[in-house]
């Protein structure tokens, strides 16, 4: 069982996300079956999935792993921009996905996890630049005083907190939907899966249509652009029979 990227909160008012806004869970068990019937809304269908991201135990010697993950998310964000579907209120908001998705929009500092502010983008950019500087494939390889000088030019004193926040998404894989939503989801998710917002739930989930009837539960998702109730109104309600 994959560890949750969004640990349980003790109080409703402590939730960081409100994907279903103020809707109430509509749960019904179908007698004599292992099926749960839940109401919700379809966010979108998964069009592309990247490789599962596993955060290494140490940064040293593993800079390429970080850069590969960031690059995959960036390419998906570029594909989202090319689609130009109106899923964001502005292009500036759309661009924020590039640094929000890798940490599932959860920033850990001094043991506390919050939604990141705009200053965290600077930490992300500094961390990427430092990974590029120390990547094994760097040519020419900087050394000695030269590398100290170049590192000082790109480093940010708080970028280690962005690195810590990446633990949130370790074990997940990035995805792109047909409308251009970018996010991270379960390692077992596939092209054609559907991202849904179930009523009463703070975060989205990934479901898969069953060959016969109903849906299989795949796992949790972070889907940038639907985490604050953006889809909870004026969207057709659907019933999901999940087993």
C-alpha atoms as a PDB file:
ATOM      1  CA  UNK A   1       0.000   0.000   0.000  1.00  0.00           C
ATOM      2  CA  UNK A   2       1.504   3.316  -1.064  1.00  0.00           C
ATOM      3  CA  UNK A   3       1.940   5.905   1.673  1.00  0.00           C
ATOM      4  CA  UNK A   4      -0.406   8.873   1.424  1.00  0.00           C
ATOM      5  CA  UNK A   5       1.058  12.105   0.057  1.00  0.00           C
ATOM      6  CA  UNK A   6      -1.579  13.898   2.142  1.00  0.00           C
ATOM      7  CA  UNK A   7      -1.503  12.667   5.763  1.00  0.00           C
ATOM      8  CA  UNK A   8      -4.798  12.699   7.732  1.00  0.00           C
ATOM      9  CA  UNK A   9      -5.779  15.914   9.489  1.00  0.00           C
ATOM     10  CA  UNK A  10      -7.346  15.852  12.937  1.00  0.00           C
ATOM     11  CA  UNK A  11      -9.836  18.626  12.152  1.00  0.00           C
ATOM     12  CA  UNK A  12     -11.802  19.582   9.068  1.00  0.00           C
ATOM     13  CA  UNK A  13     -10.592  23.178   9.330  1.00  0.00           C
ATOM     14  CA  UNK A  14      -6.951  22.042   9.244  1.00  0.00           C
ATOM     15  CA  UNK A  15      -7.120  20.704   5.693  1.00  0.00           C
ATOM     16  CA  UNK A  16      -4.711  22.321   3.240  1.00  0.00           C
ATOM     17  CA  UNK A  17      -6.890  21.422   0.250  1.00  0.00           C
ATOM     18  CA  UNK A  18     -10.621  21.640  -0.407  1.00  0.00           C
ATOM     19  CA  UNK A  19     -11.003  19.977  -3.800  1.00  0.00           C
ATOM     20  CA  UNK A  20     -14.680  19.177  -3.184  1.00  0.00           C
ATOM     21  CA  UNK A  21     -15.290  22.565  -1.574  1.00  0.00           C
ATOM     22  CA  UNK A  22     -18.222  22.389   0.875  1.00  0.00           C
ATOM     23  CA  UNK A  23     -19.945  19.338  -0.588  1.00  0.00           C
ATOM     24  CA  UNK A  24     -20.911  16.457   1.687  1.00  0.00           C
ATOM     25  CA  UNK A  25     -19.932  12.854   1.116  1.00  0.00           C
ATOM     26  CA  UNK A  26     -22.681  10.858  -0.600  1.00  0.00           C
ATOM     27  CA  UNK A  27     -21.834   7.251   0.248  1.00  0.00           C
ATOM     28  CA  UNK A  28     -24.007   4.213  -0.337  1.00  0.00           C
ATOM     29  CA  UNK A  29     -23.065   0.553   0.043  1.00  0.00           C
ATOM     30  CA  UNK A  30     -24.700  -1.782  -2.462  1.00  0.00           C
ATOM     31  CA  UNK A  31     -26.109  -4.756  -0.537  1.00  0.00           C
ATOM     32  CA  UNK A  32     -24.385  -8.135  -0.903  1.00  0.00           C
ATOM     33  CA  UNK A  33     -21.571  -6.675  -2.998  1.00  0.00           C
ATOM     34  CA  UNK A  34     -18.110  -5.183  -2.293  1.00  0.00           C
ATOM     35  CA  UNK A  35     -19.217  -2.021  -4.102  1.00  0.00           C
ATOM     36  CA  UNK A  36     -19.350   1.481  -2.675  1.00  0.00           C
ATOM     37  CA  UNK A  37     -21.373   4.044  -4.573  1.00  0.00           C
ATOM     38  CA  UNK A  38     -20.010   7.594  -4.308  1.00  0.00           C
ATOM     39  CA  UNK A  39     -21.037  10.856  -5.927  1.00  0.00           C
ATOM     40  CA  UNK A  40     -18.525  13.258  -7.391  1.00  0.00           C
ATOM     41  CA  UNK A  41     -17.326  14.933 -10.553  1.00  0.00           C
ATOM     42  CA  UNK A  42     -14.868  14.036 -13.284  1.00  0.00           C
ATOM     43  CA  UNK A  43     -11.863  16.349 -13.449  1.00  0.00           C
ATOM     44  CA  UNK A  44     -10.403  14.804 -16.596  1.00  0.00           C
ATOM     45  CA  UNK A  45      -8.917  11.724 -18.244  1.00  0.00           C
ATOM     46  CA  UNK A  46      -5.204  10.953 -18.034  1.00  0.00           C
ATOM     47  CA  UNK A  47      -3.442  11.444 -21.362  1.00  0.00           C
ATOM     48  CA  UNK A  48       0.206  10.896 -20.423  1.00  0.00           C
ATOM     49  CA  UNK A  49       2.150   9.564 -17.434  1.00  0.00           C
ATOM     50  CA  UNK A  50       5.814   9.903 -16.591  1.00  0.00           C
ATOM     51  CA  UNK A  51       8.196   7.641 -14.741  1.00  0.00           C
ATOM     52  CA  UNK A  52       7.717   7.046 -11.036  1.00  0.00           C
ATOM     53  CA  UNK A  53       9.782   9.498  -9.009  1.00  0.00           C
ATOM     54  CA  UNK A  54      11.785   8.099  -6.089  1.00  0.00           C
ATOM     55  CA  UNK A  55      13.634  10.645  -3.987  1.00  0.00           C
ATOM     56  CA  UNK A  56      17.226   9.455  -3.405  1.00  0.00           C
ATOM     57  CA  UNK A  57      18.677   9.164   0.083  1.00  0.00           C
ATOM     58  CA  UNK A  58      21.263  11.873  -0.699  1.00  0.00           C
ATOM     59  CA  UNK A  59      21.586  14.709  -3.177  1.00  0.00           C
ATOM     60  CA  UNK A  60      25.267  14.099  -3.898  1.00  0.00           C
ATOM     61  CA  UNK A  61      25.696  12.000  -7.010  1.00  0.00           C
ATOM     62  CA  UNK A  62      21.973  11.973  -7.734  1.00  0.00           C
ATOM     63  CA  UNK A  63      21.441  15.398  -9.267  1.00  0.00           C
ATOM     64  CA  UNK A  64      20.338  13.853 -12.557  1.00  0.00           C
ATOM     65  CA  UNK A  65      17.428  12.088 -10.843  1.00  0.00           C
ATOM     66  CA  UNK A  66      16.060  15.416  -9.630  1.00  0.00           C
ATOM     67  CA  UNK A  67      16.611  17.070 -12.985  1.00  0.00           C
ATOM     68  CA  UNK A  68      14.849  14.241 -14.812  1.00  0.00           C
ATOM     69  CA  UNK A  69      11.789  14.596 -12.568  1.00  0.00           C
ATOM     70  CA  UNK A  70      11.711  18.386 -12.923  1.00  0.00           C
ATOM     71  CA  UNK A  71      12.174  18.120 -16.688  1.00  0.00           C
ATOM     72  CA  UNK A  72       9.269  15.689 -17.060  1.00  0.00           C
ATOM     73  CA  UNK A  73       6.967  17.988 -15.105  1.00  0.00           C
ATOM     74  CA  UNK A  74       8.163  21.019 -17.099  1.00  0.00           C
ATOM     75  CA  UNK A  75       7.483  19.289 -20.417  1.00  0.00           C
ATOM     76  CA  UNK A  76       3.980  18.403 -19.254  1.00  0.00           C
ATOM     77  CA  UNK A  77       3.424  22.017 -18.219  1.00  0.00           C
ATOM     78  CA  UNK A  78       4.567  23.134 -21.665  1.00  0.00           C
ATOM     79  CA  UNK A  79       2.145  20.659 -23.250  1.00  0.00           C
ATOM     80  CA  UNK A  80      -0.591  22.058 -21.009  1.00  0.00           C
ATOM     81  CA  UNK A  81       0.186  25.598 -22.160  1.00  0.00           C
ATOM     82  CA  UNK A  82       0.075  24.461 -25.807  1.00  0.00           C
ATOM     83  CA  UNK A  83      -3.424  23.060 -25.271  1.00  0.00           C
ATOM     84  CA  UNK A  84      -4.445  26.489 -23.910  1.00  0.00           C
ATOM     85  CA  UNK A  85      -7.611  25.084 -22.363  1.00  0.00           C
ATOM     86  CA  UNK A  86      -9.099  27.611 -19.892  1.00  0.00           C
ATOM     87  CA  UNK A  87      -8.416  25.549 -16.778  1.00  0.00           C
ATOM     88  CA  UNK A  88      -6.509  28.370 -15.060  1.00  0.00           C
ATOM     89  CA  UNK A  89      -7.564  31.941 -14.331  1.00  0.00           C
ATOM     90  CA  UNK A  90      -4.346  33.290 -15.887  1.00  0.00           C
ATOM     91  CA  UNK A  91      -1.190  32.210 -17.665  1.00  0.00           C
ATOM     92  CA  UNK A  92       0.826  33.281 -14.620  1.00  0.00           C
ATOM     93  CA  UNK A  93      -1.150  30.821 -12.499  1.00  0.00           C
ATOM     94  CA  UNK A  94      -0.611  28.083 -15.102  1.00  0.00           C
ATOM     95  CA  UNK A  95       3.167  28.603 -14.915  1.00  0.00           C
ATOM     96  CA  UNK A  96       3.152  28.038 -11.150  1.00  0.00           C
ATOM     97  CA  UNK A  97       2.456  24.344 -11.763  1.00  0.00           C
ATOM     98  CA  UNK A  98       6.086  23.832 -12.781  1.00  0.00           C
ATOM     99  CA  UNK A  99       7.289  24.260  -9.198  1.00  0.00           C
ATOM    100  CA  UNK A 100       4.105  23.379  -7.296  1.00  0.00           C
ATOM    101  CA  UNK A 101       3.538  19.925  -8.816  1.00  0.00           C
ATOM    102  CA  UNK A 102       6.914  18.403  -7.750  1.00  0.00           C
ATOM    103  CA  UNK A 103       6.008  19.037  -4.081  1.00  0.00           C
ATOM    104  CA  UNK A 104       2.228  18.582  -4.502  1.00  0.00           C
ATOM    105  CA  UNK A 105       1.836  22.202  -3.366  1.00  0.00           C
ATOM    106  CA  UNK A 106       2.928  21.298   0.174  1.00  0.00           C
ATOM    107  CA  UNK A 107       5.893  23.086   1.702  1.00  0.00           C
ATOM    108  CA  UNK A 108       7.658  21.699   4.762  1.00  0.00           C
ATOM    109  CA  UNK A 109       9.595  24.086   6.983  1.00  0.00           C
ATOM    110  CA  UNK A 110      10.716  23.469  10.571  1.00  0.00           C
ATOM    111  CA  UNK A 111       8.511  20.397  10.772  1.00  0.00           C
ATOM    112  CA  UNK A 112       5.368  22.207   9.667  1.00  0.00           C
ATOM    113  CA  UNK A 113       3.635  21.659   6.332  1.00  0.00           C
ATOM    114  CA  UNK A 114       1.746  24.519   4.678  1.00  0.00           C
ATOM    115  CA  UNK A 115       0.757  25.694   1.222  1.00  0.00           C
ATOM    116  CA  UNK A 116       3.827  27.387  -0.298  1.00  0.00           C
ATOM    117  CA  UNK A 117       3.974  31.094  -0.955  1.00  0.00           C
ATOM    118  CA  UNK A 118       5.326  32.665  -4.175  1.00  0.00           C
ATOM    119  CA  UNK A 119       8.800  32.979  -2.626  1.00  0.00           C
ATOM    120  CA  UNK A 120       9.160  29.184  -2.827  1.00  0.00           C
ATOM    121  CA  UNK A 121       9.501  29.479  -6.586  1.00  0.00           C
ATOM    122  CA  UNK A 122      12.853  31.180  -6.010  1.00  0.00           C
ATOM    123  CA  UNK A 123      13.949  28.230  -3.879  1.00  0.00           C
ATOM    124  CA  UNK A 124      12.868  25.812  -6.613  1.00  0.00           C
ATOM    125  CA  UNK A 125      14.820  27.707  -9.277  1.00  0.00           C
ATOM    126  CA  UNK A 126      17.904  27.824  -7.043  1.00  0.00           C
ATOM    127  CA  UNK A 127      17.690  24.106  -6.343  1.00  0.00           C
ATOM    128  CA  UNK A 128      17.375  23.298 -10.045  1.00  0.00           C
ATOM    129  CA  UNK A 129      20.338  25.538 -10.851  1.00  0.00           C
ATOM    130  CA  UNK A 130      22.488  23.876  -8.193  1.00  0.00           C
ATOM    131  CA  UNK A 131      21.558  20.410  -9.488  1.00  0.00           C
ATOM    132  CA  UNK A 132      22.558  21.507 -12.982  1.00  0.00           C
ATOM    133  CA  UNK A 133      25.855  22.819 -11.648  1.00  0.00           C
ATOM    134  CA  UNK A 134      26.777  19.589  -9.871  1.00  0.00           C
ATOM    135  CA  UNK A 135      25.299  17.151 -12.387  1.00  0.00           C
ATOM    136  CA  UNK A 136      27.842  14.517 -13.411  1.00  0.00           C
ATOM    137  CA  UNK A 137      27.395  15.331 -17.069  1.00  0.00           C
ATOM    138  CA  UNK A 138      28.378  18.977 -16.594  1.00  0.00           C
ATOM    139  CA  UNK A 139      30.999  20.078 -19.108  1.00  0.00           C
ATOM    140  CA  UNK A 140      33.391  21.550 -18.238  1.00  0.00           C
ATOM    141  CA  UNK A 141      33.185  20.233 -14.668  1.00  0.00           C
ATOM    142  CA  UNK A 142      33.699  23.145 -12.236  1.00  0.00           C
ATOM    143  CA  UNK A 143      36.040  22.574  -9.333  1.00  0.00           C
ATOM    144  CA  UNK A 144      37.769  24.343  -6.481  1.00  0.00           C
ATOM    145  CA  UNK A 145      37.204  28.053  -6.089  1.00  0.00           C
ATOM    146  CA  UNK A 146      35.352  28.139  -9.398  1.00  0.00           C
ATOM    147  CA  UNK A 147      32.593  25.853  -8.193  1.00  0.00           C
ATOM    148  CA  UNK A 148      32.328  27.733  -4.890  1.00  0.00           C
ATOM    149  CA  UNK A 149      31.861  30.982  -6.775  1.00  0.00           C
ATOM    150  CA  UNK A 150      29.310  29.550  -9.177  1.00  0.00           C
ATOM    151  CA  UNK A 151      27.384  27.809  -6.408  1.00  0.00           C
ATOM    152  CA  UNK A 152      27.192  31.032  -4.404  1.00  0.00           C
ATOM    153  CA  UNK A 153      25.756  32.736  -7.485  1.00  0.00           C
ATOM    154  CA  UNK A 154      22.824  30.296  -7.837  1.00  0.00           C
ATOM    155  CA  UNK A 155      22.168  29.099  -4.274  1.00  0.00           C
ATOM    156  CA  UNK A 156      19.327  30.249  -2.047  1.00  0.00           C
ATOM    157  CA  UNK A 157      19.644  29.963   1.755  1.00  0.00           C
ATOM    158  CA  UNK A 158      16.198  28.344   1.983  1.00  0.00           C
ATOM    159  CA  UNK A 159      16.334  25.973  -0.981  1.00  0.00           C
ATOM    160  CA  UNK A 160      16.976  23.022   1.353  1.00  0.00           C
ATOM    161  CA  UNK A 161      13.344  23.361   2.459  1.00  0.00           C
ATOM    162  CA  UNK A 162      12.181  22.823  -1.107  1.00  0.00           C
ATOM    163  CA  UNK A 163      14.368  19.727  -1.208  1.00  0.00           C
ATOM    164  CA  UNK A 164      12.792  18.443   2.019  1.00  0.00           C
ATOM    165  CA  UNK A 165       9.330  19.089   0.591  1.00  0.00           C
ATOM    166  CA  UNK A 166      10.069  16.775  -2.337  1.00  0.00           C
ATOM    167  CA  UNK A 167       9.710  13.810   0.028  1.00  0.00           C
ATOM    168  CA  UNK A 168       5.959  14.390  -0.257  1.00  0.00           C
ATOM    169  CA  UNK A 169       5.812  13.054  -3.814  1.00  0.00           C
ATOM    170  CA  UNK A 170       8.409  10.286  -3.624  1.00  0.00           C
ATOM    171  CA  UNK A 171       6.874   7.127  -5.095  1.00  0.00           C
ATOM    172  CA  UNK A 172       4.420   9.034  -7.288  1.00  0.00           C
ATOM    173  CA  UNK A 173       4.499   9.682 -11.023  1.00  0.00           C
ATOM    174  CA  UNK A 174       3.670  12.880 -12.921  1.00  0.00           C
ATOM    175  CA  UNK A 175       0.690  12.950 -15.255  1.00  0.00           C
ATOM    176  CA  UNK A 176      -0.959  15.165 -17.857  1.00  0.00           C
ATOM    177  CA  UNK A 177      -4.678  15.104 -18.642  1.00  0.00           C
ATOM    178  CA  UNK A 178      -6.432  15.731 -21.939  1.00  0.00           C
ATOM    179  CA  UNK A 179      -7.437  19.269 -20.901  1.00  0.00           C
ATOM    180  CA  UNK A 180      -3.958  20.074 -19.626  1.00  0.00           C
ATOM    181  CA  UNK A 181      -4.123  19.442 -15.890  1.00  0.00           C
ATOM    182  CA  UNK A 182      -0.717  18.436 -14.522  1.00  0.00           C
ATOM    183  CA  UNK A 183      -0.222  16.532 -11.311  1.00  0.00           C
ATOM    184  CA  UNK A 184       1.221  13.508  -9.570  1.00  0.00           C
ATOM    185  CA  UNK A 185      -0.530  10.259  -8.794  1.00  0.00           C
ATOM    186  CA  UNK A 186      -0.068   6.596  -7.909  1.00  0.00           C
ATOM    187  CA  UNK A 187       2.792   4.607  -9.419  1.00  0.00           C
ATOM    188  CA  UNK A 188       0.236   2.201 -10.931  1.00  0.00           C
ATOM    189  CA  UNK A 189      -1.819   4.855 -12.728  1.00  0.00           C
ATOM    190  CA  UNK A 190      -2.058   4.568 -16.516  1.00  0.00           C
ATOM    191  CA  UNK A 191      -3.110   6.384 -19.639  1.00  0.00           C
ATOM    192  CA  UNK A 192      -6.907   6.419 -19.745  1.00  0.00           C
ATOM    193  CA  UNK A 193      -7.439   6.534 -15.985  1.00  0.00           C
ATOM    194  CA  UNK A 194      -9.742   9.266 -14.728  1.00  0.00           C
ATOM    195  CA  UNK A 195      -9.049  11.923 -12.082  1.00  0.00           C
ATOM    196  CA  UNK A 196     -12.156  12.558 -10.001  1.00  0.00           C
ATOM    197  CA  UNK A 197     -13.233  14.765  -7.120  1.00  0.00           C
ATOM    198  CA  UNK A 198     -15.445  12.797  -4.760  1.00  0.00           C
ATOM    199  CA  UNK A 199     -17.895  14.798  -2.684  1.00  0.00           C
ATOM    200  CA  UNK A 200     -16.657  15.472   0.836  1.00  0.00           C
ATOM    201  CA  UNK A 201     -13.015  14.696  -0.023  1.00  0.00           C
ATOM    202  CA  UNK A 202     -10.242  17.305   0.295  1.00  0.00           C
ATOM    203  CA  UNK A 203      -8.122  15.822  -2.515  1.00  0.00           C
ATOM    204  CA  UNK A 204      -8.792  14.149  -5.905  1.00  0.00           C
ATOM    205  CA  UNK A 205      -8.488  10.442  -6.628  1.00  0.00           C
ATOM    206  CA  UNK A 206      -7.630   8.269  -9.608  1.00  0.00           C
ATOM    207  CA  UNK A 207     -10.141   5.668 -10.793  1.00  0.00           C
ATOM    208  CA  UNK A 208     -10.028   3.151 -13.640  1.00  0.00           C
ATOM    209  CA  UNK A 209     -13.040   1.966 -15.623  1.00  0.00           C
ATOM    210  CA  UNK A 210     -13.670  -1.764 -15.193  1.00  0.00           C
ATOM    211  CA  UNK A 211     -14.237  -3.919 -18.269  1.00  0.00           C
ATOM    212  CA  UNK A 212     -17.607  -5.107 -17.025  1.00  0.00           C
ATOM    213  CA  UNK A 213     -19.101  -2.261 -15.009  1.00  0.00           C
ATOM    214  CA  UNK A 214     -18.094   0.331 -12.430  1.00  0.00           C
ATOM    215  CA  UNK A 215     -14.681   1.583 -11.376  1.00  0.00           C
ATOM    216  CA  UNK A 216     -11.515   0.375  -9.668  1.00  0.00           C
ATOM    217  CA  UNK A 217      -9.893   2.579  -7.039  1.00  0.00           C
ATOM    218  CA  UNK A 218      -6.281   3.372  -8.011  1.00  0.00           C
ATOM    219  CA  UNK A 219      -5.226   5.941  -5.410  1.00  0.00           C
ATOM    220  CA  UNK A 220      -4.773   9.563  -4.424  1.00  0.00           C
ATOM    221  CA  UNK A 221      -3.814  12.375  -6.773  1.00  0.00           C
ATOM    222  CA  UNK A 222      -2.535  15.899  -6.632  1.00  0.00           C
ATOM    223  CA  UNK A 223      -4.033  17.657  -9.655  1.00  0.00           C
ATOM    224  CA  UNK A 224      -2.938  21.257 -10.019  1.00  0.00           C
ATOM    225  CA  UNK A 225      -5.850  23.584 -10.684  1.00  0.00           C
ATOM    226  CA  UNK A 226      -8.607  21.587  -8.955  1.00  0.00           C
ATOM    227  CA  UNK A 227      -7.358  21.528  -5.348  1.00  0.00           C
ATOM    228  CA  UNK A 228      -9.385  24.502  -4.084  1.00  0.00           C
ATOM    229  CA  UNK A 229     -12.883  23.621  -5.225  1.00  0.00           C
ATOM    230  CA  UNK A 230     -12.558  25.018  -8.735  1.00  0.00           C
ATOM    231  CA  UNK A 231     -14.715  22.194 -10.137  1.00  0.00           C
ATOM    232  CA  UNK A 232     -17.222  21.854  -7.306  1.00  0.00           C
ATOM    233  CA  UNK A 233     -19.897  23.985  -8.993  1.00  0.00           C
ATOM    234  CA  UNK A 234     -21.516  24.009 -12.433  1.00  0.00           C
ATOM    235  CA  UNK A 235     -20.063  20.578 -13.281  1.00  0.00           C
ATOM    236  CA  UNK A 236     -22.261  17.510 -13.919  1.00  0.00           C
ATOM    237  CA  UNK A 237     -22.523  15.171 -10.935  1.00  0.00           C
ATOM    238  CA  UNK A 238     -21.639  11.537 -11.549  1.00  0.00           C
ATOM    239  CA  UNK A 239     -22.123   8.391  -9.475  1.00  0.00           C
ATOM    240  CA  UNK A 240     -19.086   6.117  -9.198  1.00  0.00           C
ATOM    241  CA  UNK A 241     -19.631   2.475  -8.253  1.00  0.00           C
ATOM    242  CA  UNK A 242     -16.211   1.560  -6.892  1.00  0.00           C
ATOM    243  CA  UNK A 243     -14.977  -1.926  -6.081  1.00  0.00           C
END
